[in-house]
């Protein structure tokens, strides 16, 4: 075996590679002298962030089996080309979780006790003891948005500081929160109760500028905000205005929407503590990252065990052509149901069933694609078909899979998401060989492409609803590409009519629009008497 270590990693990691019997280890210095010669017969390549493992570099390594990224981001690796070549790409998520959590708590202490200002005034020869009275973390409420690996580590440390911890993460099972002694709540409750608010979630369309003027308005006066996740989670202008007005007492930021953050209004605000994206920059974290990637790579080379891979497992050309549209269908059913069940409790179960010939295929890929679609927008780390199920397991989400009769004419996939109080069911198929479509939503037949921007509306089946909704969208200059309506079956309506809370027959409308429907328009639709619920779903 030949392992090429293209960038510096810890000595402990290098020892793990050198302990391999008969293994050749190429050091960063040797790689730098002649990358092409070093890679010519290499089995593994280890990189950090500086070396670009692009197509040009990979082409010099015809025997390469694995690329290990000592860190989380894999922007410097051409995953698509590596996948086509059958090369596994691995990263090391979670290795720096403790480092990020510790900086988060450190920044909270700095905000509570004005430590940076105290140090500055001392160096300036001042003794401002009377103006530096702080507050204690003990007894305060910490609101955590995103209870993944880092969020969990923050919660554990906050509990040790005798803080009350409340968290929003609809993709974490209640059992995980109970074990941590964390109270799960919806986003508005977290905003309303938190004395300190800490962000630990990934960037997506749903989370972009999550902390905006509307969100800040829902928070306590005097809240303090800490962000060691992604700068784009915060609307800088809105936060600067809230800091100046005193609504937000202070903010501690390790990340920025543009880095380095030139001309950022927050840097000119006196009650902001700023650090240059150093949350994961500890000697211990770098050691952990190196050792973790060394263990993963050696385990793969010795036993073909894949851990924390970020690309799709290899398929034959025939298998890929046959499964590709169903992989896309699975992911989109996951994305759809995920966006429909959010805010209806914490996710506890993902159930997947297959009907027809698709059940005879390698459904592990389809199962992982569903889970990927469900969790993609909720995780601060990359979620893909290889690591999706591990993410679900960490979050305490059960995955169930079943197969129906193979002789059924059409191949269909059904996904059901369940919380303790609600469920969403969606069934879909592939039409024309490549187009993923939904056919049934919560038992009601509605056929629509799973693409673009959708408005999913549940309403009482009464006259005038369609026209009114269409009018509201028209007023907002939102063009309708497709309007599909499905009605509840008579037997289902009859069964419900015997219940004390019976209403008129229900219907589901799926409206495909050229542009996303924003929150103000959604609010107007929700106010219609016949509308029971309306959600905006995006597949971008």
Protein backbone atom coordinates (compact mmCIF):
# COMPACT_ATOMS: atom_id res chain seq x y z
CA UNK A 1 0.00 0.00 0.00
CA UNK A 2 1.15 3.51 -0.78
CA UNK A 3 -0.26 6.48 1.12
CA UNK A 4 0.46 10.02 0.00
CA UNK A 5 0.14 12.63 2.76
CA UNK A 6 0.03 15.85 0.77
CA UNK A 7 -0.26 18.27 3.72
CA UNK A 8 0.96 18.38 7.30
CA UNK A 9 -1.02 16.29 9.79
CA UNK A 10 -0.22 15.29 13.36
CA UNK A 11 2.68 12.97 14.13
CA UNK A 12 0.25 10.57 15.80
CA UNK A 13 -1.61 10.27 12.51
CA UNK A 14 1.61 9.68 10.60
CA UNK A 15 2.52 6.88 13.02
CA UNK A 16 -0.78 5.14 12.31
CA UNK A 17 0.08 5.11 8.61
CA UNK A 18 3.66 3.97 9.18
CA UNK A 19 2.47 1.09 11.38
CA UNK A 20 0.92 -0.56 8.34
CA UNK A 21 3.05 -3.59 7.46
CA UNK A 22 4.77 -3.04 4.14
CA UNK A 23 3.10 0.34 3.61
CA UNK A 24 4.92 3.22 1.94
CA UNK A 25 4.16 6.67 3.32
CA UNK A 26 4.96 9.74 1.22
CA UNK A 27 5.47 12.88 3.33
CA UNK A 28 4.27 16.40 2.42
CA UNK A 29 7.82 17.43 1.53
CA UNK A 30 8.22 14.47 -0.84
CA UNK A 31 4.82 15.17 -2.40
CA UNK A 32 5.71 18.83 -2.98
CA UNK A 33 8.87 17.86 -4.91
CA UNK A 34 6.89 15.88 -7.51
CA UNK A 35 3.12 15.39 -7.03
CA UNK A 36 2.81 13.40 -10.26
CA UNK A 37 5.53 10.90 -9.29
CA UNK A 38 4.17 10.57 -5.75
CA UNK A 39 0.66 9.74 -6.98
CA UNK A 40 1.61 7.41 -9.82
CA UNK A 41 0.95 4.20 -7.85
CA UNK A 42 -0.74 5.64 -4.74
CA UNK A 43 -3.64 3.86 -3.03
CA UNK A 44 -4.61 6.77 -0.76
CA UNK A 45 -4.26 10.55 -0.79
CA UNK A 46 -4.56 12.67 2.36
CA UNK A 47 -5.26 16.40 2.02
CA UNK A 48 -6.36 19.29 4.22
CA UNK A 49 -7.52 22.52 2.56
CA UNK A 50 -4.57 23.85 0.54
CA UNK A 51 -4.00 21.00 -1.96
CA UNK A 52 -6.61 20.91 -4.71
CA UNK A 53 -7.54 17.26 -5.36
CA UNK A 54 -9.08 18.19 -8.68
CA UNK A 55 -9.47 16.15 -11.85
CA UNK A 56 -6.02 17.12 -13.07
CA UNK A 57 -4.34 15.88 -9.90
CA UNK A 58 -6.47 12.73 -9.60
CA UNK A 59 -5.66 11.74 -13.19
CA UNK A 60 -2.03 11.27 -12.07
CA UNK A 61 -3.21 8.54 -9.66
CA UNK A 62 -4.65 5.64 -11.69
CA UNK A 63 -4.54 3.26 -8.71
CA UNK A 64 -6.08 5.67 -6.19
CA UNK A 65 -8.80 4.11 -4.02
CA UNK A 66 -9.49 6.76 -1.41
CA UNK A 67 -9.09 10.49 -0.75
CA UNK A 68 -9.10 11.47 2.91
CA UNK A 69 -9.85 15.08 3.85
CA UNK A 70 -8.53 15.97 7.30
CA UNK A 71 -11.40 18.32 8.10
CA UNK A 72 -15.07 18.79 7.24
CA UNK A 73 -15.26 20.84 4.03
CA UNK A 74 -14.46 19.01 0.79
CA UNK A 75 -14.62 21.96 -1.63
CA UNK A 76 -11.04 21.22 -2.67
CA UNK A 77 -11.90 17.68 -3.82
CA UNK A 78 -13.55 16.94 -7.17
CA UNK A 79 -16.13 14.55 -5.77
CA UNK A 80 -17.91 13.98 -9.06
CA UNK A 81 -14.77 12.89 -10.87
CA UNK A 82 -13.61 10.83 -7.87
CA UNK A 83 -16.96 9.04 -7.78
CA UNK A 84 -16.82 8.23 -11.46
CA UNK A 85 -13.38 6.79 -10.88
CA UNK A 86 -14.67 4.68 -7.98
CA UNK A 87 -12.61 6.61 -5.42
CA UNK A 88 -14.09 6.96 -1.93
CA UNK A 89 -13.91 10.49 -0.53
CA UNK A 90 -13.94 10.76 3.28
CA UNK A 91 -13.93 13.67 5.70
CA UNK A 92 -13.83 13.99 9.50
CA UNK A 93 -17.07 15.56 10.78
CA UNK A 94 -17.32 16.12 14.50
CA UNK A 95 -13.60 15.96 15.25
CA UNK A 96 -13.59 19.65 16.19
CA UNK A 97 -16.93 19.65 18.06
CA UNK A 98 -15.33 20.12 21.48
CA UNK A 99 -13.16 22.99 20.23
CA UNK A 100 -16.16 24.84 18.76
CA UNK A 101 -18.26 24.20 21.87
CA UNK A 102 -15.54 25.51 24.17
CA UNK A 103 -15.13 28.71 22.15
CA UNK A 104 -18.91 29.16 22.23
CA UNK A 105 -18.93 29.00 26.03
CA UNK A 106 -15.84 31.23 26.16
CA UNK A 107 -17.57 33.87 24.06
CA UNK A 108 -20.64 33.68 26.28
CA UNK A 109 -18.44 34.34 29.32
CA UNK A 110 -16.80 37.25 27.49
CA UNK A 111 -20.23 38.75 26.81
CA UNK A 112 -21.38 38.21 30.39
CA UNK A 113 -18.29 39.70 32.03
CA UNK A 114 -17.06 42.17 29.37
CA UNK A 115 -13.66 40.47 29.43
CA UNK A 116 -12.29 41.99 26.18
CA UNK A 117 -13.15 45.54 27.30
CA UNK A 118 -11.70 44.91 30.76
CA UNK A 119 -8.40 43.81 29.19
CA UNK A 120 -8.37 46.81 26.81
CA UNK A 121 -8.94 49.37 29.56
CA UNK A 122 -6.25 47.80 31.77
CA UNK A 123 -3.71 48.06 28.94
CA UNK A 124 -4.74 51.68 28.50
CA UNK A 125 -3.79 52.33 32.14
CA UNK A 126 -7.40 52.62 33.36
CA UNK A 127 -9.07 51.01 36.39
CA UNK A 128 -12.77 50.84 35.42
CA UNK A 129 -13.95 48.33 37.99
CA UNK A 130 -17.26 50.12 38.62
CA UNK A 131 -18.26 50.14 34.94
CA UNK A 132 -17.44 46.49 34.41
CA UNK A 133 -20.06 44.84 36.58
CA UNK A 134 -21.22 41.72 34.71
CA UNK A 135 -23.83 39.01 34.99
CA UNK A 136 -23.59 35.28 35.72
CA UNK A 137 -24.39 32.47 33.31
CA UNK A 138 -25.78 30.38 36.15
CA UNK A 139 -29.56 30.45 36.14
CA UNK A 140 -29.80 31.98 32.68
CA UNK A 141 -31.56 30.30 29.76
CA UNK A 142 -29.45 29.25 26.80
CA UNK A 143 -31.32 28.80 23.53
CA UNK A 144 -29.56 26.48 21.09
CA UNK A 145 -30.66 26.39 17.46
CA UNK A 146 -29.34 23.15 15.98
CA UNK A 147 -28.72 20.18 18.28
CA UNK A 148 -26.15 18.28 16.21
CA UNK A 149 -22.70 17.20 17.42
CA UNK A 150 -21.57 20.72 18.32
CA UNK A 151 -24.92 21.79 19.75
CA UNK A 152 -24.91 18.72 22.00
CA UNK A 153 -21.41 19.55 23.29
CA UNK A 154 -22.52 23.13 24.00
CA UNK A 155 -25.60 21.86 25.86
CA UNK A 156 -23.48 19.58 28.05
CA UNK A 157 -21.15 22.41 29.04
CA UNK A 158 -23.99 24.87 29.60
CA UNK A 159 -25.66 22.37 31.95
CA UNK A 160 -22.43 22.20 33.95
CA UNK A 161 -22.62 25.99 34.27
CA UNK A 162 -26.11 25.55 35.80
CA UNK A 163 -27.83 27.11 32.81
CA UNK A 164 -31.31 26.11 31.66
CA UNK A 165 -31.02 24.81 28.09
CA UNK A 166 -33.82 25.05 25.55
CA UNK A 167 -33.26 23.96 21.94
CA UNK A 168 -34.88 23.99 18.53
CA UNK A 169 -34.08 21.11 16.22
CA UNK A 170 -37.05 19.28 14.67
CA UNK A 171 -34.73 16.53 13.46
CA UNK A 172 -33.69 15.31 16.91
CA UNK A 173 -35.74 12.67 18.71
CA UNK A 174 -37.12 13.67 22.13
CA UNK A 175 -35.17 10.84 23.82
CA UNK A 176 -31.84 12.44 22.86
CA UNK A 177 -32.97 15.75 24.37
CA UNK A 178 -34.22 14.07 27.54
CA UNK A 179 -30.88 12.34 28.03
CA UNK A 180 -29.18 15.74 27.75
CA UNK A 181 -31.77 17.38 30.05
CA UNK A 182 -32.57 19.78 27.23
CA UNK A 183 -36.07 21.10 26.65
CA UNK A 184 -37.13 20.96 23.00
CA UNK A 185 -39.29 23.83 21.79
CA UNK A 186 -40.37 25.52 18.61
CA UNK A 187 -38.30 28.36 17.20
CA UNK A 188 -40.49 31.18 18.51
CA UNK A 189 -40.37 29.72 22.05
CA UNK A 190 -36.58 29.60 21.91
CA UNK A 191 -36.48 33.22 20.76
CA UNK A 192 -38.86 34.30 23.53
CA UNK A 193 -37.13 32.49 26.40
CA UNK A 194 -33.40 32.69 25.62
CA UNK A 195 -31.10 35.00 27.56
CA UNK A 196 -28.29 33.70 25.34
CA UNK A 197 -28.87 32.39 21.82
CA UNK A 198 -26.27 30.15 20.13
CA UNK A 199 -26.42 29.03 16.49
CA UNK A 200 -25.25 25.55 15.48
CA UNK A 201 -26.86 24.67 12.17
CA UNK A 202 -25.93 24.50 8.52
CA UNK A 203 -26.68 26.97 5.76
CA UNK A 204 -29.67 26.35 3.49
CA UNK A 205 -32.48 28.32 1.88
CA UNK A 206 -34.45 27.89 5.10
CA UNK A 207 -31.67 29.11 7.39
CA UNK A 208 -30.22 31.93 5.26
CA UNK A 209 -30.51 35.11 7.38
CA UNK A 210 -32.57 33.17 9.92
CA UNK A 211 -31.75 35.84 12.51
CA UNK A 212 -33.39 38.82 10.85
CA UNK A 213 -35.44 41.77 12.11
CA UNK A 214 -38.59 39.64 12.55
CA UNK A 215 -36.72 36.99 14.55
CA UNK A 216 -35.01 39.59 16.74
CA UNK A 217 -38.38 41.23 17.46
CA UNK A 218 -39.51 37.96 19.07
CA UNK A 219 -36.51 37.83 21.42
CA UNK A 220 -36.12 39.14 24.96
CA UNK A 221 -34.79 42.65 25.38
CA UNK A 222 -31.14 42.23 26.37
CA UNK A 223 -30.58 38.88 24.64
CA UNK A 224 -27.00 38.00 23.74
CA UNK A 225 -26.27 36.15 20.47
CA UNK A 226 -23.32 33.85 19.72
CA UNK A 227 -22.54 32.53 16.23
CA UNK A 228 -19.77 29.98 15.64
CA UNK A 229 -21.58 28.26 12.75
CA UNK A 230 -22.09 30.23 9.50
CA UNK A 231 -22.02 33.99 9.05
CA UNK A 232 -24.88 33.88 6.56
CA UNK A 233 -27.30 32.75 9.29
CA UNK A 234 -27.49 36.35 10.50
CA UNK A 235 -28.81 39.46 8.76
CA UNK A 236 -25.89 41.79 9.62
CA UNK A 237 -27.84 45.01 9.12
CA UNK A 238 -30.74 43.84 11.30
CA UNK A 239 -28.41 42.70 14.08
CA UNK A 240 -26.42 45.96 13.97
CA UNK A 241 -29.66 47.96 14.30
CA UNK A 242 -30.83 45.79 17.22
CA UNK A 243 -27.49 46.20 18.99
CA UNK A 244 -27.58 49.97 18.57
CA UNK A 245 -31.17 50.11 19.84
CA UNK A 246 -30.37 47.98 22.88
CA UNK A 247 -32.77 45.17 21.94
CA UNK A 248 -29.73 42.88 21.71
CA UNK A 249 -27.29 43.48 24.55
CA UNK A 250 -24.30 41.92 22.81
CA UNK A 251 -23.13 39.57 20.12
CA UNK A 252 -20.09 37.33 19.77
CA UNK A 253 -19.24 36.29 16.23
CA UNK A 254 -16.58 33.89 14.97
CA UNK A 255 -17.99 33.71 11.44
CA UNK A 256 -19.12 36.28 8.88
CA UNK A 257 -21.07 36.31 5.63
CA UNK A 258 -17.87 37.49 3.89
CA UNK A 259 -14.48 36.54 5.27
CA UNK A 260 -12.38 38.51 6.01
CA UNK A 261 -15.31 40.80 6.94
CA UNK A 262 -14.31 44.11 5.36
CA UNK A 263 -16.86 46.92 5.81
CA UNK A 264 -19.13 44.76 7.98
CA UNK A 265 -21.36 47.09 10.07
CA UNK A 266 -21.07 44.76 13.06
CA UNK A 267 -17.34 45.40 13.45
CA UNK A 268 -18.01 49.05 14.22
CA UNK A 269 -20.51 48.20 16.96
CA UNK A 270 -18.97 48.44 20.47
CA UNK A 271 -21.00 45.59 22.02
CA UNK A 272 -19.76 43.02 19.48
CA UNK A 273 -16.93 40.58 20.17
CA UNK A 274 -15.37 39.31 16.92
CA UNK A 275 -12.89 36.50 16.33
CA UNK A 276 -11.38 35.41 12.97
CA UNK A 277 -13.10 32.02 12.42
CA UNK A 278 -10.96 30.22 15.01
CA UNK A 279 -13.58 27.95 16.62
CA UNK A 280 -11.97 24.75 15.34
CA UNK A 281 -8.41 26.01 15.58
CA UNK A 282 -6.98 24.20 18.59
CA UNK A 283 -3.98 21.91 18.78
CA UNK A 284 -6.24 19.18 20.13
CA UNK A 285 -8.79 19.57 17.33
CA UNK A 286 -6.11 19.43 14.65
CA UNK A 287 -4.65 16.35 16.33
CA UNK A 288 -8.10 14.74 16.47
CA UNK A 289 -8.78 15.51 12.81
CA UNK A 290 -5.48 13.93 11.71
CA UNK A 291 -5.88 10.82 13.85
CA UNK A 292 -9.49 10.37 12.78
CA UNK A 293 -8.73 10.51 9.05
CA UNK A 294 -5.75 8.16 9.54
CA UNK A 295 -7.96 5.61 11.29
CA UNK A 296 -10.69 5.87 8.68
CA UNK A 297 -8.29 5.49 5.76
CA UNK A 298 -6.38 2.55 7.28
CA UNK A 299 -9.68 0.82 8.14
CA UNK A 300 -10.80 1.16 4.55
CA UNK A 301 -7.51 -0.03 3.06
CA UNK A 302 -7.37 -3.05 5.40
CA UNK A 303 -11.02 -4.06 5.70
CA UNK A 304 -12.94 -2.05 3.05
CA UNK A 305 -15.03 -0.42 5.79
CA UNK A 306 -16.29 3.00 4.73
CA UNK A 307 -16.74 5.70 7.39
CA UNK A 308 -17.81 9.33 6.86
CA UNK A 309 -17.71 9.05 3.09
CA UNK A 310 -19.15 12.06 1.25
CA UNK A 311 -19.71 10.57 -2.19
CA UNK A 312 -21.97 7.93 -3.67
CA UNK A 313 -20.92 4.26 -3.58
CA UNK A 314 -19.75 2.85 -6.92
CA UNK A 315 -22.33 1.34 -9.26
CA UNK A 316 -21.99 -0.41 -12.58
CA UNK A 317 -23.09 1.63 -15.56
CA UNK A 318 -26.21 -0.50 -15.98
CA UNK A 319 -27.15 -0.21 -12.29
CA UNK A 320 -26.59 3.52 -12.29
CA UNK A 321 -28.77 4.10 -15.36
CA UNK A 322 -31.55 1.97 -13.89
CA UNK A 323 -31.48 3.42 -10.37
CA UNK A 324 -30.59 7.05 -11.06
CA UNK A 325 -34.17 8.39 -11.52
CA UNK A 326 -35.36 6.52 -8.41
CA UNK A 327 -32.46 7.90 -6.38
CA UNK A 328 -33.65 11.37 -7.38
CA UNK A 329 -37.28 10.46 -6.60
CA UNK A 330 -36.29 9.16 -3.15
CA UNK A 331 -34.36 12.30 -2.24
CA UNK A 332 -37.16 14.59 -3.40
CA UNK A 333 -39.82 12.66 -1.48
CA UNK A 334 -37.59 13.10 1.56
CA UNK A 335 -37.23 16.84 0.91
CA UNK A 336 -40.98 17.24 0.39
CA UNK A 337 -42.09 15.42 3.53
CA UNK A 338 -39.36 17.10 5.59
CA UNK A 339 -40.59 20.56 4.65
CA UNK A 340 -44.22 19.60 5.27
CA UNK A 341 -43.74 18.18 8.77
CA UNK A 342 -41.40 20.85 10.14
CA UNK A 343 -42.87 22.64 13.20
CA UNK A 344 -45.18 19.68 13.92
CA UNK A 345 -43.01 18.11 16.60
CA UNK A 346 -39.64 16.41 16.63
CA UNK A 347 -39.02 13.76 14.03
CA UNK A 348 -38.99 10.22 15.46
CA UNK A 349 -39.37 7.87 12.48
CA UNK A 350 -38.79 7.67 8.74
CA UNK A 351 -40.71 4.80 7.11
CA UNK A 352 -39.97 3.86 3.49
CA UNK A 353 -41.82 1.28 1.40
CA UNK A 354 -41.32 0.09 -2.17
CA UNK A 355 -43.91 -1.27 -4.58
CA UNK A 356 -43.21 -3.05 -7.82
CA UNK A 357 -39.88 -4.07 -9.34
CA UNK A 358 -37.96 -1.28 -7.63
CA UNK A 359 -38.12 -3.33 -4.44
CA UNK A 360 -35.79 -5.90 -6.00
CA UNK A 361 -33.05 -3.32 -6.55
CA UNK A 362 -30.31 -2.12 -4.14
CA UNK A 363 -32.73 -0.24 -1.93
CA UNK A 364 -29.99 0.74 0.53
CA UNK A 365 -29.13 3.54 -1.89
CA UNK A 366 -32.77 4.59 -2.12
CA UNK A 367 -33.18 4.44 1.65
CA UNK A 368 -30.12 6.62 2.14
CA UNK A 369 -31.39 9.06 -0.50
CA UNK A 370 -34.69 9.50 1.36
CA UNK A 371 -32.87 10.16 4.64
CA UNK A 372 -30.51 12.54 2.85
CA UNK A 373 -33.47 14.52 1.53
CA UNK A 374 -35.07 14.65 4.97
CA UNK A 375 -31.97 15.76 6.87
CA UNK A 376 -30.04 17.81 4.30
CA UNK A 377 -31.36 21.20 5.36
CA UNK A 378 -31.16 20.41 9.07
CA UNK A 379 -27.53 19.49 9.50
CA UNK A 380 -24.51 21.72 9.94
CA UNK A 381 -22.42 19.02 8.24
CA UNK A 382 -22.73 17.60 4.72
CA UNK A 383 -25.41 14.87 4.51
CA UNK A 384 -25.27 12.46 1.58
CA UNK A 385 -26.29 8.94 0.63
CA UNK A 386 -23.31 7.40 2.37
CA UNK A 387 -23.54 9.14 5.74
CA UNK A 388 -27.27 9.98 5.93
CA UNK A 389 -28.27 6.97 8.01
CA UNK A 390 -25.48 7.60 10.52
CA UNK A 391 -26.79 11.17 10.92
CA UNK A 392 -30.29 9.79 11.55
CA UNK A 393 -28.97 7.34 14.13
CA UNK A 394 -27.10 10.10 15.96
CA UNK A 395 -30.32 12.09 16.13
CA UNK A 396 -32.31 9.13 17.48
CA UNK A 397 -34.51 8.82 14.37
CA UNK A 398 -35.74 5.29 13.58
CA UNK A 399 -35.64 4.17 9.93
CA UNK A 400 -38.07 1.49 8.79
CA UNK A 401 -38.15 -0.15 5.39
CA UNK A 402 -40.64 -2.53 3.76
CA UNK A 403 -41.31 -4.00 0.33
CA UNK A 404 -44.58 -4.79 -1.38
CA UNK A 405 -45.41 -7.23 -4.13
CA UNK A 406 -42.86 -7.16 -6.95
CA UNK A 407 -45.51 -8.10 -9.53
CA UNK A 408 -47.18 -4.69 -9.24
CA UNK A 409 -47.02 -3.03 -12.62
CA UNK A 410 -45.67 0.37 -11.59
CA UNK A 411 -42.68 0.92 -9.34
CA UNK A 412 -43.52 3.34 -6.54
CA UNK A 413 -41.78 4.61 -3.42
CA UNK A 414 -43.66 5.79 -0.34
CA UNK A 415 -42.20 7.87 2.48
CA UNK A 416 -43.86 8.51 5.85
CA UNK A 417 -42.37 10.85 8.46
CA UNK A 418 -43.72 10.60 12.01
CA UNK A 419 -43.45 12.76 15.10
CA UNK A 420 -45.23 12.03 18.38
CA UNK A 421 -48.22 14.10 17.24
CA UNK A 422 -48.24 14.15 13.45
CA UNK A 423 -47.30 12.30 10.28
CA UNK A 424 -46.87 13.09 6.60
CA UNK A 425 -47.17 10.46 3.85
CA UNK A 426 -46.09 10.88 0.23
CA UNK A 427 -45.98 8.32 -2.58
CA UNK A 428 -44.28 8.90 -5.89
CA UNK A 429 -43.17 7.32 -9.14
CA UNK A 430 -40.90 8.02 -12.10
CA UNK A 431 -42.68 8.91 -15.33
CA UNK A 432 -41.27 9.14 -18.84
CA UNK A 433 -38.16 7.36 -17.56
CA UNK A 434 -36.67 10.35 -15.75
CA UNK A 435 -39.27 12.64 -14.17
CA UNK A 436 -39.92 12.18 -10.42
CA UNK A 437 -43.54 12.91 -9.51
CA UNK A 438 -45.74 12.71 -6.45
CA UNK A 439 -48.92 10.67 -6.89
CA UNK A 440 -50.43 10.54 -3.38
CA UNK A 441 -50.10 12.92 -0.43
CA UNK A 442 -51.66 11.93 2.89
CA UNK A 443 -53.98 9.52 1.14
CA UNK A 444 -55.21 12.03 -1.44
CA UNK A 445 -54.33 11.59 -5.11
CA UNK A 446 -52.37 14.58 -6.43
CA UNK A 447 -50.01 14.10 -9.35
CA UNK A 448 -47.36 16.77 -9.76
CA UNK A 449 -43.66 16.99 -10.69
CA UNK A 450 -41.31 17.13 -7.71
CA UNK A 451 -39.31 20.09 -8.95
CA UNK A 452 -38.99 23.86 -8.65
CA UNK A 453 -41.16 25.70 -6.15
CA UNK A 454 -44.38 24.21 -4.77
CA UNK A 455 -47.13 25.60 -2.61
CA UNK A 456 -48.84 22.74 -0.74
CA UNK A 457 -52.23 23.73 0.64
CA UNK A 458 -54.77 21.78 2.69
CA UNK A 459 -58.26 23.23 2.69
CA UNK A 460 -61.95 22.48 3.19
CA UNK A 461 -63.42 21.48 -0.15
CA UNK A 462 -65.61 24.56 -0.60
CA UNK A 463 -66.36 26.76 -3.62
CA UNK A 464 -64.14 29.75 -4.34
CA UNK A 465 -60.93 28.62 -2.64
CA UNK A 466 -58.95 28.04 -5.83
CA UNK A 467 -59.95 31.37 -7.35
CA UNK A 468 -59.15 33.33 -4.19
CA UNK A 469 -55.72 31.74 -3.80
CA UNK A 470 -54.96 32.29 -7.47
CA UNK A 471 -55.93 35.93 -7.06
CA UNK A 472 -53.62 36.40 -4.08
CA UNK A 473 -50.71 34.90 -5.99
CA UNK A 474 -51.50 37.10 -8.97
CA UNK A 475 -51.52 40.22 -6.80
CA UNK A 476 -48.06 39.23 -5.55
CA UNK A 477 -46.82 38.85 -9.15
CA UNK A 478 -46.24 35.12 -8.65
CA UNK A 479 -46.85 33.15 -11.82
CA UNK A 480 -48.57 29.74 -11.53
CA UNK A 481 -46.99 27.02 -13.67
CA UNK A 482 -49.30 24.20 -12.55
CA UNK A 483 -52.31 23.85 -10.23
CA UNK A 484 -53.20 20.30 -9.13
CA UNK A 485 -56.16 19.56 -6.85
CA UNK A 486 -56.97 16.30 -5.07
CA UNK A 487 -60.08 15.58 -2.99
CA UNK A 488 -60.53 13.31 -0.01
CA UNK A 489 -62.19 9.99 -0.84
CA UNK A 490 -65.83 9.74 0.21
CA UNK A 491 -65.25 6.86 2.63
CA UNK A 492 -62.51 8.82 4.41
CA UNK A 493 -64.79 11.84 4.67
CA UNK A 494 -67.64 9.69 5.97
CA UNK A 495 -65.37 8.18 8.62
CA UNK A 496 -64.29 11.63 9.75
CA UNK A 497 -67.84 12.96 9.78
CA UNK A 498 -68.64 10.72 12.75
CA UNK A 499 -65.96 12.45 14.83
CA UNK A 500 -67.02 15.35 17.10
CA UNK A 501 -64.64 17.76 15.32
CA UNK A 502 -65.76 16.84 11.80
CA UNK A 503 -65.42 19.41 9.06
CA UNK A 504 -66.27 19.52 5.36
CA UNK A 505 -64.50 17.17 2.94
CA UNK A 506 -60.82 18.06 2.74
CA UNK A 507 -58.75 18.76 -0.35
CA UNK A 508 -55.06 19.20 -1.11
CA UNK A 509 -53.80 21.60 -3.73
CA UNK A 510 -50.23 21.56 -5.05
CA UNK A 511 -49.41 24.78 -6.87
CA UNK A 512 -46.17 24.93 -8.84
CA UNK A 513 -44.89 28.50 -9.18
CA UNK A 514 -42.11 30.14 -11.15
CA UNK A 515 -40.72 31.83 -8.03
CA UNK A 516 -40.87 31.02 -4.31
CA UNK A 517 -43.89 32.21 -2.33
CA UNK A 518 -42.67 34.43 0.49
CA UNK A 519 -43.98 34.56 4.06
CA UNK A 520 -46.24 37.64 3.71
CA UNK A 521 -48.19 35.93 0.90
CA UNK A 522 -48.34 32.68 2.89
CA UNK A 523 -49.80 34.61 5.83
CA UNK A 524 -52.56 36.04 3.63
CA UNK A 525 -53.44 32.58 2.33
CA UNK A 526 -53.48 31.12 5.86
CA UNK A 527 -56.01 33.76 6.88
CA UNK A 528 -58.60 32.43 4.40
CA UNK A 529 -61.39 30.71 6.37
CA UNK A 530 -61.32 27.53 4.26
CA UNK A 531 -57.53 27.06 4.41
CA UNK A 532 -56.31 24.58 7.02
CA UNK A 533 -52.58 24.76 6.28
CA UNK A 534 -50.25 26.00 3.57
CA UNK A 535 -46.50 25.35 3.15
CA UNK A 536 -43.88 26.53 0.70
CA UNK A 537 -41.62 23.72 -0.58
CA UNK A 538 -38.45 24.21 -2.61
CA UNK A 539 -36.31 21.64 -4.41
CA UNK A 540 -33.46 24.01 -5.33
